Amino acid sequence: MGNVHFRWMLYGTVSTRIKLGSPSGGVVSSFIYRNSMIGDEIDYEWHTSASMDPKDIDYSNSRRKNLVRDLSQNYQTYTIEWFPDKITWLVNGQVVRILLRSDVNGTKFSSSPSQIQFSIWDGGFSNPETEAWPGDPTDWSDAHAYTRCMSIGWISNAMIQLTQQRHPGRQRIKDSKDLLTRAIKRS
């Protein structure tokens, strides 16, 4: 388990096409703008527990919204448009949420440079409050307890593909110019 950091940005739009692994409990995947030094975070997070719906989470406002139900059967395109006065979340081109800076009086609105990150982590092996969200401990004996593929298209037209291998500790990153393999250490 682990995460992949791509680039730092301050405002802009990033879209990703994601299909999650089959619904074995506890595995959480995310597409996120994050500045861990400050605590700013704008993201989508999904868990693979069949009993729960995927949620989008903006931790600055702790808001969740029900999205597409079956994330392991089909690819979905997720977009976050982040601008100085507005953040928009879209799924398959449809707006699912808009947050205006004026809605929160300018406070708790992400406004610091953040990294684009994609992560996979074991939410079922954490503190009790976090464990309750994905619902189940991760069953690592289940051969499908991994995220299969993430295809990421940058606005600058660079295309990056991430593919999670059958074991949860490696990801392959394919850029239009380079082919890299990064080991992601289990946390």
N, C-alpha and C. Protein backbone atom coordinates (compact mmCIF):
# COMPACT_ATOMS: atom_id res chain seq x y z
N MET A 1 0.85 -1.16 0.00
CA MET A 1 0.00 0.00 0.00
C MET A 1 0.90 1.22 0.00
N GLY A 2 0.40 2.28 -0.47
CA GLY A 2 1.18 3.50 -0.51
C GLY A 2 0.56 4.49 -1.46
N ASN A 3 1.34 5.54 -1.78
CA ASN A 3 0.80 6.51 -2.71
C ASN A 3 1.86 6.96 -3.70
N VAL A 4 1.37 7.55 -4.77
CA VAL A 4 2.23 8.08 -5.82
C VAL A 4 1.94 9.57 -5.90
N HIS A 5 3.00 10.38 -5.83
CA HIS A 5 2.88 11.83 -5.92
C HIS A 5 3.33 12.23 -7.32
N PHE A 6 2.63 13.13 -7.95
CA PHE A 6 3.01 13.51 -9.30
C PHE A 6 3.61 14.89 -9.41
N ARG A 7 2.86 15.89 -9.15
CA ARG A 7 3.38 17.23 -9.31
C ARG A 7 2.65 18.17 -8.38
N TRP A 8 3.31 19.27 -8.09
CA TRP A 8 2.71 20.31 -7.26
C TRP A 8 1.94 21.26 -8.17
N MET A 9 0.84 21.74 -7.68
CA MET A 9 0.08 22.73 -8.44
C MET A 9 -0.67 23.64 -7.49
N LEU A 10 -1.00 24.80 -7.95
CA LEU A 10 -1.86 25.74 -7.24
C LEU A 10 -2.94 26.13 -8.24
N TYR A 11 -4.10 25.51 -8.11
CA TYR A 11 -5.26 25.71 -8.96
C TYR A 11 -5.09 25.02 -10.31
N GLY A 12 -6.20 24.61 -10.87
CA GLY A 12 -6.22 23.94 -12.16
C GLY A 12 -7.21 22.79 -12.16
N THR A 13 -7.17 22.00 -13.22
CA THR A 13 -8.11 20.90 -13.40
C THR A 13 -7.34 19.61 -13.68
N VAL A 14 -7.71 18.55 -12.99
CA VAL A 14 -7.13 17.23 -13.24
C VAL A 14 -8.28 16.24 -13.33
N SER A 15 -8.23 15.38 -14.34
CA SER A 15 -9.21 14.31 -14.51
C SER A 15 -8.48 12.98 -14.47
N THR A 16 -9.17 11.97 -13.98
CA THR A 16 -8.61 10.62 -13.97
C THR A 16 -9.72 9.62 -14.24
N ARG A 17 -9.39 8.57 -14.92
CA ARG A 17 -10.33 7.50 -15.24
C ARG A 17 -9.94 6.32 -14.37
N ILE A 18 -10.85 5.88 -13.49
CA ILE A 18 -10.51 4.88 -12.49
C ILE A 18 -11.52 3.74 -12.48
N LYS A 19 -10.98 2.53 -12.34
CA LYS A 19 -11.79 1.34 -12.08
C LYS A 19 -11.14 0.65 -10.90
N LEU A 20 -11.91 0.43 -9.84
CA LEU A 20 -11.37 -0.20 -8.64
C LEU A 20 -11.43 -1.71 -8.74
N GLY A 21 -10.67 -2.38 -7.86
CA GLY A 21 -10.71 -3.84 -7.77
C GLY A 21 -12.05 -4.30 -7.23
N SER A 22 -12.23 -5.60 -7.13
CA SER A 22 -13.50 -6.14 -6.65
C SER A 22 -13.72 -5.79 -5.19
N PRO A 23 -14.97 -5.84 -4.73
CA PRO A 23 -15.30 -5.35 -3.40
C PRO A 23 -14.90 -6.27 -2.25
N SER A 24 -13.63 -6.29 -1.93
CA SER A 24 -13.18 -6.93 -0.69
C SER A 24 -12.91 -5.80 0.29
N GLY A 25 -13.34 -5.92 1.49
CA GLY A 25 -13.37 -4.81 2.42
C GLY A 25 -12.04 -4.20 2.78
N GLY A 26 -12.10 -2.95 3.18
CA GLY A 26 -10.98 -2.28 3.81
C GLY A 26 -10.04 -1.51 2.93
N VAL A 27 -9.92 -1.84 1.64
CA VAL A 27 -8.96 -1.14 0.78
C VAL A 27 -9.55 0.20 0.38
N VAL A 28 -8.79 1.26 0.63
CA VAL A 28 -9.23 2.62 0.29
C VAL A 28 -8.32 3.15 -0.81
N SER A 29 -8.92 3.74 -1.83
CA SER A 29 -8.17 4.36 -2.92
C SER A 29 -8.55 5.83 -2.96
N SER A 30 -7.62 6.68 -3.40
CA SER A 30 -7.96 8.09 -3.47
C SER A 30 -7.26 8.80 -4.61
N PHE A 31 -7.90 9.87 -5.05
CA PHE A 31 -7.39 10.82 -6.03
C PHE A 31 -7.49 12.15 -5.30
N ILE A 32 -6.37 12.85 -5.13
CA ILE A 32 -6.32 13.91 -4.13
C ILE A 32 -5.38 15.03 -4.54
N TYR A 33 -5.74 16.26 -4.16
CA TYR A 33 -4.80 17.38 -4.10
C TYR A 33 -4.47 17.50 -2.63
N ARG A 34 -3.22 17.46 -2.25
CA ARG A 34 -2.90 17.45 -0.83
C ARG A 34 -1.62 18.21 -0.52
N ASN A 35 -1.67 18.97 0.57
CA ASN A 35 -0.48 19.59 1.14
C ASN A 35 -0.41 19.12 2.58
N SER A 36 0.37 18.07 2.83
CA SER A 36 0.41 17.46 4.16
C SER A 36 1.07 18.36 5.20
N MET A 37 1.88 19.32 4.76
CA MET A 37 2.52 20.23 5.71
C MET A 37 1.50 21.19 6.32
N ILE A 38 0.48 21.54 5.57
CA ILE A 38 -0.53 22.50 6.03
C ILE A 38 -1.81 21.79 6.43
N GLY A 39 -2.08 20.65 5.82
CA GLY A 39 -3.30 19.90 6.13
C GLY A 39 -4.41 20.12 5.12
N ASP A 40 -4.14 20.90 4.06
CA ASP A 40 -5.15 21.09 3.02
C ASP A 40 -5.34 19.80 2.23
N GLU A 41 -6.58 19.52 1.87
CA GLU A 41 -6.88 18.30 1.13
C GLU A 41 -8.19 18.48 0.38
N ILE A 42 -8.18 18.20 -0.91
CA ILE A 42 -9.39 18.16 -1.74
C ILE A 42 -9.33 16.80 -2.43
N ASP A 43 -10.37 15.97 -2.30
CA ASP A 43 -10.21 14.64 -2.87
C ASP A 43 -11.49 13.89 -3.13
N TYR A 44 -11.31 12.77 -3.79
CA TYR A 44 -12.27 11.67 -3.86
C TYR A 44 -11.61 10.53 -3.11
N GLU A 45 -12.36 9.82 -2.30
CA GLU A 45 -11.86 8.60 -1.67
C GLU A 45 -12.92 7.52 -1.83
N TRP A 46 -12.46 6.32 -2.13
CA TRP A 46 -13.37 5.19 -2.32
C TRP A 46 -12.87 4.03 -1.49
N HIS A 47 -13.77 3.25 -0.97
CA HIS A 47 -13.35 1.99 -0.36
C HIS A 47 -14.09 0.87 -1.07
N THR A 48 -13.56 -0.32 -0.95
CA THR A 48 -14.07 -1.44 -1.73
C THR A 48 -15.06 -2.31 -0.99
N SER A 49 -15.50 -1.88 0.19
CA SER A 49 -16.49 -2.65 0.92
C SER A 49 -17.82 -2.61 0.16
N ALA A 50 -18.38 -3.77 -0.11
CA ALA A 50 -19.63 -3.84 -0.88
C ALA A 50 -20.80 -3.20 -0.14
N SER A 51 -20.69 -3.06 1.18
CA SER A 51 -21.81 -2.54 1.96
C SER A 51 -21.88 -1.02 1.98
N MET A 52 -20.89 -0.33 1.43
CA MET A 52 -20.86 1.12 1.51
C MET A 52 -20.87 1.74 0.11
N ASP A 53 -21.31 2.99 0.02
CA ASP A 53 -21.24 3.74 -1.22
C ASP A 53 -19.95 4.56 -1.24
N PRO A 54 -19.39 4.79 -2.43
CA PRO A 54 -18.21 5.65 -2.50
C PRO A 54 -18.57 7.07 -2.11
N LYS A 55 -17.62 7.81 -1.64
CA LYS A 55 -17.86 9.18 -1.17
C LYS A 55 -16.82 10.10 -1.77
N ASP A 56 -17.23 11.35 -1.98
CA ASP A 56 -16.21 12.35 -2.24
C ASP A 56 -16.03 13.09 -0.93
N ILE A 57 -14.82 13.48 -0.64
CA ILE A 57 -14.55 14.12 0.64
C ILE A 57 -13.72 15.36 0.41
N ASP A 58 -14.17 16.46 0.95
CA ASP A 58 -13.37 17.68 1.01
C ASP A 58 -13.15 17.88 2.50
N TYR A 59 -11.96 17.50 3.00
CA TYR A 59 -11.73 17.53 4.43
C TYR A 59 -11.82 18.92 5.02
N SER A 60 -11.67 19.97 4.20
CA SER A 60 -11.79 21.31 4.75
C SER A 60 -13.24 21.60 5.14
N ASN A 61 -14.17 20.82 4.64
CA ASN A 61 -15.58 21.05 4.95
C ASN A 61 -16.27 19.77 5.42
N SER A 62 -15.52 18.66 5.48
CA SER A 62 -16.02 17.36 5.95
C SER A 62 -17.36 16.98 5.32
N ARG A 63 -17.47 17.13 4.02
CA ARG A 63 -18.72 16.84 3.34
C ARG A 63 -18.57 15.57 2.51
N ARG A 64 -19.58 14.75 2.52
CA ARG A 64 -19.57 13.52 1.74
C ARG A 64 -20.81 13.50 0.84
N LYS A 65 -20.69 12.89 -0.32
CA LYS A 65 -21.79 12.81 -1.26
C LYS A 65 -21.80 11.44 -1.91
N ASN A 66 -22.97 10.83 -2.01
CA ASN A 66 -23.08 9.54 -2.69
C ASN A 66 -22.81 9.71 -4.18
N LEU A 67 -22.01 8.82 -4.73
CA LEU A 67 -21.65 8.88 -6.14
C LEU A 67 -22.09 7.60 -6.84
N VAL A 68 -21.35 7.19 -7.82
CA VAL A 68 -21.63 5.98 -8.58
C VAL A 68 -21.49 4.77 -7.66
N ARG A 69 -22.37 3.78 -7.77
CA ARG A 69 -22.34 2.65 -6.85
C ARG A 69 -21.30 1.58 -7.20
N ASP A 70 -21.24 1.12 -8.41
CA ASP A 70 -20.41 -0.04 -8.73
C ASP A 70 -19.09 0.37 -9.37
N LEU A 71 -18.11 0.61 -8.54
CA LEU A 71 -16.82 1.10 -9.01
C LEU A 71 -15.90 0.00 -9.51
N SER A 72 -16.24 -1.27 -9.24
CA SER A 72 -15.37 -2.36 -9.66
C SER A 72 -15.75 -2.93 -11.02
N GLN A 73 -16.90 -2.55 -11.56
CA GLN A 73 -17.35 -3.11 -12.83
C GLN A 73 -17.02 -2.23 -14.04
N ASN A 74 -17.02 -0.91 -13.86
CA ASN A 74 -16.82 -0.01 -14.99
C ASN A 74 -15.88 1.13 -14.62
N TYR A 75 -15.22 1.66 -15.62
CA TYR A 75 -14.39 2.85 -15.42
C TYR A 75 -15.29 4.07 -15.26
N GLN A 76 -14.88 4.97 -14.39
CA GLN A 76 -15.56 6.25 -14.20
C GLN A 76 -14.50 7.34 -14.37
N THR A 77 -14.91 8.50 -14.85
CA THR A 77 -13.99 9.63 -14.98
C THR A 77 -14.30 10.63 -13.88
N TYR A 78 -13.29 10.92 -13.06
CA TYR A 78 -13.42 11.85 -11.94
C TYR A 78 -12.59 13.09 -12.24
N THR A 79 -13.17 14.24 -11.99
CA THR A 79 -12.50 15.51 -12.25
C THR A 79 -12.64 16.41 -11.03
N ILE A 80 -11.55 17.10 -10.71
CA ILE A 80 -11.60 18.17 -9.71
C ILE A 80 -11.11 19.43 -10.40
N GLU A 81 -11.96 20.45 -10.44
CA GLU A 81 -11.60 21.76 -10.96
C GLU A 81 -11.38 22.66 -9.75
N TRP A 82 -10.17 23.15 -9.59
CA TRP A 82 -9.80 23.91 -8.39
C TRP A 82 -9.34 25.30 -8.81
N PHE A 83 -10.09 26.30 -8.39
CA PHE A 83 -9.79 27.69 -8.73
C PHE A 83 -9.80 28.53 -7.45
N PRO A 84 -9.27 29.76 -7.48
CA PRO A 84 -9.16 30.56 -6.26
C PRO A 84 -10.49 30.75 -5.51
N ASP A 85 -11.61 30.79 -6.23
CA ASP A 85 -12.89 31.04 -5.56
C ASP A 85 -13.90 29.91 -5.67
N LYS A 86 -13.50 28.77 -6.29
CA LYS A 86 -14.47 27.70 -6.49
C LYS A 86 -13.76 26.37 -6.69
N ILE A 87 -14.33 25.30 -6.10
CA ILE A 87 -13.90 23.93 -6.35
C ILE A 87 -15.12 23.17 -6.87
N THR A 88 -14.94 22.46 -7.99
CA THR A 88 -16.03 21.69 -8.58
C THR A 88 -15.59 20.23 -8.72
N TRP A 89 -16.44 19.31 -8.26
CA TRP A 89 -16.21 17.87 -8.40
C TRP A 89 -17.15 17.37 -9.50
N LEU A 90 -16.63 16.59 -10.44
CA LEU A 90 -17.44 16.03 -11.51
C LEU A 90 -17.20 14.53 -11.61
N VAL A 91 -18.25 13.78 -11.95
CA VAL A 91 -18.14 12.34 -12.23
C VAL A 91 -18.74 12.13 -13.61
N ASN A 92 -17.94 11.57 -14.50
CA ASN A 92 -18.37 11.33 -15.88
C ASN A 92 -18.94 12.59 -16.52
N GLY A 93 -18.31 13.73 -16.24
CA GLY A 93 -18.70 15.00 -16.83
C GLY A 93 -19.86 15.69 -16.16
N GLN A 94 -20.47 15.06 -15.16
CA GLN A 94 -21.61 15.65 -14.47
C GLN A 94 -21.16 16.25 -13.14
N VAL A 95 -21.55 17.49 -12.88
CA VAL A 95 -21.19 18.15 -11.62
C VAL A 95 -21.90 17.44 -10.47
N VAL A 96 -21.13 17.02 -9.45
CA VAL A 96 -21.72 16.40 -8.27
C VAL A 96 -21.62 17.31 -7.05
N ARG A 97 -20.78 18.33 -7.13
CA ARG A 97 -20.64 19.25 -6.01
C ARG A 97 -19.89 20.49 -6.45
N ILE A 98 -20.29 21.63 -5.91
CA ILE A 98 -19.56 22.89 -6.08
C ILE A 98 -19.39 23.51 -4.70
N LEU A 99 -18.18 23.93 -4.38
CA LEU A 99 -17.91 24.65 -3.14
C LEU A 99 -17.33 26.01 -3.51
N LEU A 100 -18.00 27.07 -3.08
CA LEU A 100 -17.52 28.43 -3.31
C LEU A 100 -16.78 28.92 -2.08
N ARG A 101 -15.71 29.70 -2.28
CA ARG A 101 -14.98 30.28 -1.16
C ARG A 101 -15.95 31.09 -0.29
N SER A 102 -16.89 31.79 -0.91
CA SER A 102 -17.85 32.60 -0.16
C SER A 102 -18.77 31.75 0.71
N ASP A 103 -18.97 30.46 0.36
CA ASP A 103 -19.80 29.57 1.17
C ASP A 103 -19.20 29.30 2.54
N VAL A 104 -17.87 29.40 2.62
CA VAL A 104 -17.18 29.13 3.89
C VAL A 104 -16.47 30.39 4.39
N ASN A 105 -16.94 31.55 3.91
CA ASN A 105 -16.37 32.85 4.31
C ASN A 105 -14.86 32.90 4.13
N GLY A 106 -14.35 32.22 3.13
CA GLY A 106 -12.91 32.25 2.84
C GLY A 106 -12.08 31.38 3.76
N THR A 107 -12.66 30.87 4.84
CA THR A 107 -11.92 30.00 5.75
C THR A 107 -12.11 28.56 5.32
N LYS A 108 -11.21 27.70 5.71
CA LYS A 108 -11.31 26.28 5.38
C LYS A 108 -11.52 26.04 3.89
N PHE A 109 -10.87 26.86 3.08
CA PHE A 109 -10.92 26.70 1.63
C PHE A 109 -9.50 26.48 1.16
N SER A 110 -9.23 25.34 0.56
CA SER A 110 -7.86 24.99 0.16
C SER A 110 -7.28 26.04 -0.77
N SER A 111 -6.14 26.60 -0.35
CA SER A 111 -5.54 27.68 -1.14
C SER A 111 -4.02 27.66 -1.08
N SER A 112 -3.44 26.51 -0.77
CA SER A 112 -1.98 26.39 -0.74
C SER A 112 -1.55 25.41 -1.82
N PRO A 113 -0.32 25.55 -2.35
CA PRO A 113 0.15 24.59 -3.35
C PRO A 113 0.01 23.17 -2.82
N SER A 114 -0.47 22.28 -3.67
CA SER A 114 -0.73 20.89 -3.27
C SER A 114 -0.21 19.93 -4.31
N GLN A 115 0.12 18.72 -3.85
CA GLN A 115 0.55 17.67 -4.77
C GLN A 115 -0.66 16.91 -5.28
N ILE A 116 -0.58 16.48 -6.52
CA ILE A 116 -1.58 15.55 -7.04
C ILE A 116 -1.11 14.17 -6.61
N GLN A 117 -1.98 13.43 -5.93
CA GLN A 117 -1.61 12.12 -5.41
C GLN A 117 -2.68 11.08 -5.76
N PHE A 118 -2.23 9.86 -5.92
CA PHE A 118 -3.11 8.71 -6.04
C PHE A 118 -2.62 7.72 -5.01
N SER A 119 -3.52 7.19 -4.20
CA SER A 119 -3.06 6.29 -3.15
C SER A 119 -3.98 5.10 -2.98
N ILE A 120 -3.39 4.07 -2.39
CA ILE A 120 -4.11 2.86 -2.02
C ILE A 120 -3.63 2.53 -0.62
N TRP A 121 -4.55 2.39 0.33
CA TRP A 121 -4.14 2.09 1.70
C TRP A 121 -5.17 1.19 2.37
N ASP A 122 -4.74 0.55 3.42
CA ASP A 122 -5.56 -0.40 4.16
C ASP A 122 -6.33 0.34 5.24
N GLY A 123 -7.53 0.81 4.90
CA GLY A 123 -8.36 1.53 5.86
C GLY A 123 -8.89 0.64 6.97
N GLY A 124 -8.88 -0.68 6.77
CA GLY A 124 -9.36 -1.61 7.78
C GLY A 124 -8.31 -1.94 8.82
N PHE A 125 -7.14 -1.33 8.71
CA PHE A 125 -6.06 -1.57 9.67
C PHE A 125 -5.55 -0.21 10.13
N SER A 126 -6.36 0.45 10.97
CA SER A 126 -6.06 1.81 11.36
C SER A 126 -6.65 2.06 12.74
N ASN A 127 -6.84 3.34 13.09
CA ASN A 127 -7.48 3.63 14.37
C ASN A 127 -8.97 3.28 14.26
N PRO A 128 -9.66 3.06 15.38
CA PRO A 128 -11.05 2.59 15.34
C PRO A 128 -11.99 3.48 14.53
N GLU A 129 -11.82 4.79 14.59
CA GLU A 129 -12.70 5.69 13.85
C GLU A 129 -12.52 5.52 12.34
N THR A 130 -11.26 5.41 11.90
CA THR A 130 -10.99 5.22 10.48
C THR A 130 -11.42 3.84 10.02
N GLU A 131 -11.22 2.82 10.85
CA GLU A 131 -11.62 1.45 10.50
C GLU A 131 -13.12 1.34 10.25
N ALA A 132 -13.92 2.13 10.95
CA ALA A 132 -15.37 2.06 10.82
C ALA A 132 -15.85 2.50 9.43
N TRP A 133 -15.09 3.38 8.77
CA TRP A 133 -15.53 3.89 7.47
C TRP A 133 -15.51 2.82 6.37
N PRO A 134 -14.39 2.12 6.11
CA PRO A 134 -14.44 1.10 5.06
C PRO A 134 -15.18 -0.15 5.48
N GLY A 135 -15.43 -0.32 6.76
CA GLY A 135 -16.31 -1.36 7.22
C GLY A 135 -15.71 -2.70 7.54
N ASP A 136 -14.66 -3.10 6.90
CA ASP A 136 -14.11 -4.43 7.10
C ASP A 136 -12.59 -4.36 7.09
N PRO A 137 -11.93 -5.28 7.79
CA PRO A 137 -10.48 -5.38 7.59
C PRO A 137 -10.21 -5.93 6.19
N THR A 138 -9.08 -5.57 5.64
CA THR A 138 -8.71 -6.04 4.31
C THR A 138 -8.40 -7.52 4.34
N ASP A 139 -9.00 -8.27 3.44
CA ASP A 139 -8.73 -9.70 3.32
C ASP A 139 -7.66 -9.89 2.26
N TRP A 140 -6.38 -9.96 2.69
CA TRP A 140 -5.28 -10.06 1.74
C TRP A 140 -5.19 -11.45 1.11
N SER A 141 -6.00 -12.42 1.57
CA SER A 141 -6.02 -13.71 0.90
C SER A 141 -6.90 -13.66 -0.35
N ASP A 142 -7.73 -12.61 -0.48
CA ASP A 142 -8.56 -12.41 -1.66
C ASP A 142 -7.68 -11.89 -2.80
N ALA A 143 -7.58 -12.64 -3.87
CA ALA A 143 -6.71 -12.26 -5.00
C ALA A 143 -7.14 -10.96 -5.66
N HIS A 144 -8.35 -10.48 -5.37
CA HIS A 144 -8.84 -9.26 -5.99
C HIS A 144 -8.71 -8.04 -5.08
N ALA A 145 -7.98 -8.16 -3.99
CA ALA A 145 -7.85 -7.05 -3.04
C ALA A 145 -6.79 -6.05 -3.51
N TYR A 146 -7.00 -5.51 -4.68
CA TYR A 146 -6.09 -4.51 -5.22
C TYR A 146 -6.84 -3.64 -6.22
N THR A 147 -6.34 -2.46 -6.47
CA THR A 147 -6.90 -1.60 -7.49
C THR A 147 -6.28 -2.00 -8.81
N ARG A 148 -7.07 -2.26 -9.81
CA ARG A 148 -6.55 -2.81 -11.06
C ARG A 148 -5.89 -1.77 -11.95
N CYS A 149 -6.53 -0.65 -12.18
CA CYS A 149 -5.95 0.27 -13.15
C CYS A 149 -6.44 1.69 -12.90
N MET A 150 -5.57 2.64 -13.09
CA MET A 150 -5.93 4.05 -13.10
C MET A 150 -5.28 4.65 -14.34
N SER A 151 -6.07 5.30 -15.18
CA SER A 151 -5.52 6.02 -16.33
C SER A 151 -5.70 7.50 -16.06
N ILE A 152 -4.62 8.26 -16.17
CA ILE A 152 -4.66 9.66 -15.79
C ILE A 152 -4.31 10.52 -16.99
N GLY A 153 -5.19 11.43 -17.35
CA GLY A 153 -4.91 12.34 -18.45
C GLY A 153 -4.70 13.74 -17.91
N TRP A 154 -3.54 14.30 -18.16
CA TRP A 154 -3.24 15.66 -17.69
C TRP A 154 -3.78 16.67 -18.68
N ILE A 155 -4.11 17.84 -18.20
CA ILE A 155 -4.59 18.91 -19.06
C ILE A 155 -3.52 19.28 -20.09
N SER A 156 -2.25 19.12 -19.74
CA SER A 156 -1.16 19.44 -20.67
C SER A 156 -1.00 18.38 -21.75
N ASN A 157 -1.94 17.46 -21.83
CA ASN A 157 -1.97 16.38 -22.82
C ASN A 157 -0.92 15.29 -22.60
N ALA A 158 -0.16 15.33 -21.52
CA ALA A 158 0.72 14.21 -21.19
C ALA A 158 -0.19 13.10 -20.66
N MET A 159 -0.01 11.89 -21.10
CA MET A 159 -0.85 10.79 -20.66
C MET A 159 -0.03 9.88 -19.77
N ILE A 160 -0.57 9.58 -18.60
CA ILE A 160 0.10 8.69 -17.66
C ILE A 160 -0.87 7.58 -17.32
N GLN A 161 -0.41 6.35 -17.31
CA GLN A 161 -1.23 5.22 -16.91
C GLN A 161 -0.62 4.58 -15.68
N LEU A 162 -1.44 4.27 -14.69
CA LEU A 162 -0.99 3.52 -13.52
C LEU A 162 -1.70 2.19 -13.53
N THR A 163 -0.96 1.14 -13.30
CA THR A 163 -1.55 -0.18 -13.21
C THR A 163 -1.06 -0.85 -11.96
N GLN A 164 -1.97 -1.24 -11.08
CA GLN A 164 -1.61 -1.93 -9.85
C GLN A 164 -1.41 -3.40 -10.19
N GLN A 165 -0.26 -3.94 -9.86
CA GLN A 165 0.04 -5.34 -10.12
C GLN A 165 -0.75 -6.23 -9.17
N ARG A 166 -0.71 -7.52 -9.35
CA ARG A 166 -1.50 -8.44 -8.53
C ARG A 166 -1.12 -8.41 -7.06
N HIS A 167 0.09 -8.07 -6.73
CA HIS A 167 0.43 -7.90 -5.33
C HIS A 167 0.32 -6.42 -5.00
N PRO A 168 -0.06 -6.05 -3.77
CA PRO A 168 -0.34 -4.65 -3.46
C PRO A 168 0.88 -3.77 -3.30
N GLY A 169 2.08 -4.26 -3.51
CA GLY A 169 3.26 -3.45 -3.25
C GLY A 169 3.93 -2.83 -4.45
N ARG A 170 3.41 -3.00 -5.68
CA ARG A 170 4.09 -2.42 -6.84
C ARG A 170 3.09 -1.71 -7.74
N GLN A 171 3.52 -0.61 -8.31
CA GLN A 171 2.72 0.07 -9.32
C GLN A 171 3.61 0.39 -10.50
N ARG A 172 3.07 0.29 -11.68
CA ARG A 172 3.81 0.64 -12.89
C ARG A 172 3.25 1.96 -13.41
N ILE A 173 4.12 2.86 -13.71
CA ILE A 173 3.72 4.16 -14.21
C ILE A 173 4.22 4.28 -15.64
N LYS A 174 3.33 4.47 -16.57
CA LYS A 174 3.72 4.58 -17.97
C LYS A 174 3.42 5.99 -18.45
N ASP A 175 4.45 6.72 -18.80
CA ASP A 175 4.31 8.06 -19.35
C ASP A 175 4.41 7.94 -20.86
N SER A 176 3.98 8.95 -21.57
CA SER A 176 4.06 8.91 -23.03
C SER A 176 5.50 8.84 -23.51
N LYS A 177 6.47 9.24 -22.69
CA LYS A 177 7.88 9.21 -23.09
C LYS A 177 8.68 8.17 -22.32
N ASP A 178 8.29 7.85 -21.12
CA ASP A 178 9.09 6.97 -20.27
C ASP A 178 8.23 5.82 -19.74
N LEU A 179 8.88 4.74 -19.38
CA LEU A 179 8.22 3.65 -18.67
C LEU A 179 9.01 3.45 -17.40
N LEU A 180 8.37 3.71 -16.27
CA LEU A 180 9.02 3.60 -14.97
C LEU A 180 8.32 2.54 -14.16
N THR A 181 9.04 1.95 -13.25
CA THR A 181 8.41 1.08 -12.27
C THR A 181 8.84 1.56 -10.91
N ARG A 182 7.86 1.82 -10.04
CA ARG A 182 8.15 2.29 -8.69
C ARG A 182 7.62 1.26 -7.70
N ALA A 183 8.43 0.97 -6.73
CA ALA A 183 7.96 0.11 -5.64
C ALA A 183 7.27 0.99 -4.62
N ILE A 184 6.12 0.57 -4.20
CA ILE A 184 5.40 1.29 -3.16
C ILE A 184 5.39 0.39 -1.95
N LYS A 185 5.98 0.86 -0.89
CA LYS A 185 6.11 0.04 0.30
C LYS A 185 4.79 0.00 1.05
N ARG A 186 4.48 -1.16 1.53
CA ARG A 186 3.29 -1.29 2.38
C ARG A 186 3.48 -0.46 3.63
N SER A 187 2.42 0.20 4.01
CA SER A 187 2.50 0.98 5.24
C SER A 187 2.10 0.16 6.43
